[in-house]
Amino acid sequence: MGFALPNGAHVYLASGYGPAITFTGATNAEHAVITVSAADDIAVGDIVHVNCNWSGIDNVIAKIDAIAENAVTLRNINTTNKNKYAAGGGSGSIRKIEEWTELPQITEVSKSGGDQNTTQIQFLSDDRQRNLNTYKSAVSQTYSIAHDSTLPVYPLLRQLDEDEETVAAYMYVPKAKENRYWAATASFDDTPTTAVNEVETVSVVLNLQSPAMTFYKITGAAA
């Protein structure tokens, strides 16, 4: 059992990508292995944005764990369920994230969504209804940041808001010794919220597009 405070955490958005590298033949494994068209521009430890026809790993953000010729292992990308991930059917592309821009001066973080929705059924012989799980609602994160129009992240947020592009994001949580990666679209309201005797803030909403976060523990100097 373990737990940690989020104090000291930093949040980053991808602001630079390498070219797309196509892949085929994703394996069914605890750490999926993909066969890329070329591995010259990637290395062990790189963070990549995955786009795949397997919806369960489409838009996941993964760390490269090993490279053997054109076989690339994606750490913690579990595709062992052959009912969900048809054997030999995984193909798509990866893009290396080459640059990150910090979302600084965060004053508040909140999360909405992710709730389990249900439907009810009752048979003639039943005295009470039964709940059946249906789907989980979409997840959004809202960040309030102290307003400063000169921050480098402002132009990036405006561009992401306008383009509605899905980008990688990650949070470094030092007390948990962990990096957390996901993909999201961004909505940016650059009109400051103003109140007497309070720091002005603006709002950034990240709408998660990846099926789940990927978590990587930090060991030694590795990130």
Protein backbone atom coordinates (compact mmCIF):
# COMPACT_ATOMS: atom_id res chain seq x y z
CA MET A 1 0.00 0.00 0.00
CA GLY A 2 1.26 3.46 -0.82
CA PHE A 3 0.11 7.04 -1.15
CA ALA A 4 1.58 10.46 -1.78
CA LEU A 5 0.68 14.14 -1.80
CA PRO A 6 0.51 15.93 -5.17
CA ASN A 7 2.41 18.93 -3.76
CA GLY A 8 5.25 19.97 -6.04
CA ALA A 9 3.69 18.42 -9.15
CA HIS A 10 4.22 19.91 -12.62
CA VAL A 11 1.95 19.60 -15.68
CA TYR A 12 3.18 19.73 -19.27
CA LEU A 13 1.62 19.78 -22.75
CA ALA A 14 3.30 18.48 -25.90
CA SER A 15 4.42 21.39 -28.06
CA GLY A 16 6.60 19.57 -30.59
CA TYR A 17 6.25 16.22 -32.37
CA GLY A 18 8.51 14.22 -34.64
CA PRO A 19 7.20 12.75 -37.90
CA ALA A 20 4.69 9.90 -37.81
CA ILE A 21 6.24 6.42 -38.00
CA THR A 22 3.89 3.70 -39.21
CA PHE A 23 3.68 0.32 -37.50
CA THR A 24 2.02 -3.04 -38.01
CA GLY A 25 1.76 -6.37 -36.22
CA ALA A 26 1.13 -5.15 -32.68
CA THR A 27 1.45 -8.17 -30.41
CA ASN A 28 -0.81 -9.40 -27.62
CA ALA A 29 1.41 -8.87 -24.60
CA GLU A 30 1.61 -7.18 -21.21
CA HIS A 31 4.00 -4.73 -22.88
CA ALA A 32 2.88 -4.51 -26.51
CA VAL A 33 5.51 -4.92 -29.22
CA ILE A 34 5.00 -3.14 -32.55
CA THR A 35 6.93 -3.43 -35.81
CA VAL A 36 7.78 0.04 -37.09
CA SER A 37 8.67 1.05 -40.63
CA ALA A 38 11.90 2.65 -39.38
CA ALA A 39 13.48 2.97 -35.94
CA ASP A 40 16.27 5.42 -36.76
CA ASP A 41 14.59 8.43 -35.12
CA ILE A 42 13.47 6.83 -31.86
CA ALA A 43 15.32 5.49 -28.82
CA VAL A 44 14.69 3.64 -25.58
CA GLY A 45 13.10 6.03 -23.08
CA ASP A 46 11.36 8.17 -25.71
CA ILE A 47 7.73 9.10 -25.10
CA VAL A 48 5.46 8.46 -28.09
CA HIS A 49 1.86 9.28 -28.99
CA VAL A 50 0.18 6.14 -30.33
CA ASN A 51 -2.57 6.17 -32.95
CA CYS A 52 -3.93 2.69 -33.59
CA ASN A 53 -6.90 0.93 -35.15
CA TRP A 54 -7.22 -0.89 -31.81
CA SER A 55 -9.44 1.64 -30.04
CA GLY A 56 -8.29 0.37 -26.64
CA ILE A 57 -4.82 1.86 -27.17
CA ASP A 58 -5.63 4.66 -29.61
CA ASN A 59 -4.26 7.98 -28.33
CA VAL A 60 -2.35 6.37 -25.47
CA ILE A 61 0.96 7.95 -24.53
CA ALA A 62 3.66 5.33 -24.06
CA LYS A 63 7.32 4.98 -23.15
CA ILE A 64 9.62 2.95 -25.39
CA ASP A 65 11.08 0.16 -23.27
CA ALA A 66 13.19 -1.68 -25.84
CA ILE A 67 14.14 -1.63 -29.52
CA ALA A 68 15.39 -4.67 -31.43
CA GLU A 69 15.85 -3.77 -35.10
CA ASN A 70 12.31 -2.61 -36.01
CA ALA A 71 10.54 -4.25 -33.05
CA VAL A 72 9.60 -1.63 -30.46
CA THR A 73 8.31 -2.51 -26.98
CA LEU A 74 5.81 -0.11 -25.39
CA ARG A 75 5.99 -0.36 -21.61
CA ASN A 76 2.74 -0.83 -19.66
CA ILE A 77 0.60 -1.00 -22.82
CA ASN A 78 -1.30 -4.21 -22.07
CA THR A 79 -2.90 -5.89 -25.09
CA THR A 80 -3.17 -9.45 -23.75
CA ASN A 81 -6.96 -9.61 -24.19
CA LYS A 82 -7.34 -11.19 -27.64
CA ASN A 83 -11.10 -10.66 -27.58
CA LYS A 84 -10.48 -6.91 -27.37
CA TYR A 85 -7.26 -6.85 -29.40
CA ALA A 86 -7.56 -9.19 -32.38
CA ALA A 87 -4.33 -11.14 -32.86
CA GLY A 88 -2.14 -9.60 -35.56
CA GLY A 89 -4.60 -6.79 -36.20
CA GLY A 90 -2.94 -3.83 -34.50
CA SER A 91 -1.56 -1.18 -36.86
CA GLY A 92 -1.20 2.58 -36.93
CA SER A 93 1.52 5.12 -36.22
CA ILE A 94 3.59 6.59 -33.42
CA ARG A 95 4.97 10.11 -33.05
CA LYS A 96 7.84 10.96 -30.75
CA ILE A 97 7.17 13.91 -28.46
CA GLU A 98 10.17 16.18 -28.87
CA GLU A 99 9.16 19.23 -26.86
CA TRP A 100 7.01 19.96 -23.80
CA THR A 101 5.67 23.28 -22.51
CA GLU A 102 4.76 23.60 -18.85
CA LEU A 103 1.32 24.65 -17.67
CA PRO A 104 2.63 26.86 -14.84
CA GLN A 105 1.22 28.68 -11.82
CA ILE A 106 -1.58 26.17 -11.23
CA THR A 107 -3.75 27.23 -8.31
CA GLU A 108 -6.48 24.59 -8.48
CA VAL A 109 -7.17 21.28 -10.22
CA SER A 110 -10.53 19.55 -10.53
CA LYS A 111 -11.82 16.48 -12.35
CA SER A 112 -15.26 15.68 -13.69
CA GLY A 113 -16.71 12.64 -15.42
CA GLY A 114 -15.58 9.04 -15.35
CA ASP A 115 -18.82 8.04 -13.64
CA GLN A 116 -20.28 4.60 -14.24
CA ASN A 117 -23.67 4.81 -15.96
CA THR A 118 -26.22 2.04 -15.64
CA THR A 119 -29.50 0.77 -17.02
CA GLN A 120 -32.13 -1.07 -15.01
CA ILE A 121 -33.91 -4.32 -15.75
CA GLN A 122 -36.61 -6.21 -13.89
CA PHE A 123 -37.95 -9.65 -14.74
CA LEU A 124 -41.52 -10.64 -13.95
CA SER A 125 -40.25 -12.91 -11.19
CA ASP A 126 -38.10 -10.19 -9.59
CA ASP A 127 -39.13 -8.21 -6.52
CA ARG A 128 -36.58 -5.50 -7.25
CA GLN A 129 -34.76 -4.04 -10.22
CA ARG A 130 -31.19 -4.88 -11.18
CA ASN A 131 -28.54 -2.40 -12.28
CA LEU A 132 -26.43 -3.25 -15.32
CA ASN A 133 -23.31 -1.26 -16.15
CA THR A 134 -23.48 0.49 -19.52
CA TYR A 135 -20.73 3.07 -20.14
CA LYS A 136 -18.50 5.50 -18.28
CA SER A 137 -18.89 9.21 -18.92
CA ALA A 138 -16.15 11.26 -20.56
CA VAL A 139 -13.45 12.70 -18.29
CA SER A 140 -12.34 16.33 -18.11
CA GLN A 141 -9.73 18.08 -16.00
CA THR A 142 -9.98 21.79 -15.21
CA TYR A 143 -6.87 23.77 -14.28
CA SER A 144 -7.00 27.28 -12.87
CA ILE A 145 -3.73 29.12 -13.45
CA ALA A 146 -2.61 32.54 -12.24
CA HIS A 147 -3.06 34.95 -15.13
CA ASP A 148 0.06 36.21 -16.91
CA SER A 149 -0.41 36.98 -20.60
CA THR A 150 3.35 36.68 -21.23
CA LEU A 151 3.48 32.99 -20.30
CA PRO A 152 4.85 30.82 -23.17
CA VAL A 153 1.95 28.40 -22.77
CA TYR A 154 -0.69 31.00 -23.76
CA PRO A 155 -0.02 30.86 -27.55
CA LEU A 156 0.06 27.06 -27.40
CA LEU A 157 -3.25 26.91 -25.54
CA ARG A 158 -4.89 29.31 -27.98
CA GLN A 159 -3.68 27.20 -30.91
CA LEU A 160 -4.87 23.95 -29.32
CA ASP A 161 -8.25 25.51 -28.55
CA GLU A 162 -8.66 26.70 -32.14
CA ASP A 163 -7.38 23.54 -33.85
CA GLU A 164 -9.10 21.08 -31.46
CA GLU A 165 -6.00 18.93 -31.84
CA THR A 166 -5.43 15.97 -29.55
CA VAL A 167 -2.07 16.33 -27.80
CA ALA A 168 -0.07 14.51 -25.18
CA ALA A 169 0.04 15.75 -21.60
CA TYR A 170 1.85 14.58 -18.51
CA MET A 171 2.09 15.27 -14.82
CA TYR A 172 5.30 14.80 -12.85
CA VAL A 173 4.49 14.01 -9.22
CA PRO A 174 7.78 14.02 -7.28
CA LYS A 175 6.37 12.75 -4.00
CA ALA A 176 4.88 9.74 -5.81
CA LYS A 177 8.06 9.34 -7.89
CA GLU A 178 5.80 9.00 -10.90
CA ASN A 179 5.05 10.42 -14.33
CA ARG A 180 1.46 10.18 -15.59
CA TYR A 181 0.71 10.50 -19.31
CA TRP A 182 -2.51 10.98 -21.25
CA ALA A 183 -3.88 12.62 -24.42
CA ALA A 184 -6.47 15.38 -24.49
CA THR A 185 -8.01 18.23 -26.39
CA ALA A 186 -7.74 21.66 -24.76
CA SER A 187 -10.23 24.44 -24.18
CA PHE A 188 -8.74 27.75 -23.04
CA ASP A 189 -10.60 30.71 -21.55
CA ASP A 190 -8.07 33.54 -21.41
CA THR A 191 -10.49 36.02 -19.83
CA PRO A 192 -9.26 36.43 -16.25
CA THR A 193 -11.54 35.75 -13.31
CA THR A 194 -11.26 38.87 -11.17
CA ALA A 195 -12.14 39.40 -7.51
CA VAL A 196 -10.94 41.95 -4.97
CA ASN A 197 -7.89 40.79 -2.98
CA GLU A 198 -7.56 37.58 -5.00
CA VAL A 199 -5.07 36.55 -7.67
CA GLU A 200 -6.61 36.67 -11.14
CA THR A 201 -6.87 33.27 -12.81
CA VAL A 202 -7.70 31.81 -16.21
CA SER A 203 -9.12 28.38 -16.96
CA VAL A 204 -7.79 25.46 -19.00
CA VAL A 205 -9.97 22.40 -19.59
CA LEU A 206 -8.36 19.18 -20.82
CA ASN A 207 -10.85 16.70 -22.28
CA LEU A 208 -9.25 13.27 -22.10
CA GLN A 209 -9.09 11.35 -25.39
CA SER A 210 -6.87 8.45 -24.33
CA PRO A 211 -8.69 5.39 -22.95
CA ALA A 212 -6.66 5.67 -19.73
CA MET A 213 -3.59 7.27 -18.21
CA THR A 214 -0.27 5.48 -18.37
CA PHE A 215 1.83 5.51 -15.21
CA TYR A 216 5.61 5.21 -15.07
CA LYS A 217 7.52 5.11 -11.81
CA ILE A 218 10.74 7.10 -11.75
CA THR A 219 13.82 5.10 -10.80
CA GLY A 220 17.12 6.83 -10.19
CA ALA A 221 17.74 9.50 -12.81
CA ALA A 222 15.19 8.03 -15.24
CA ALA A 223 12.00 9.94 -16.03
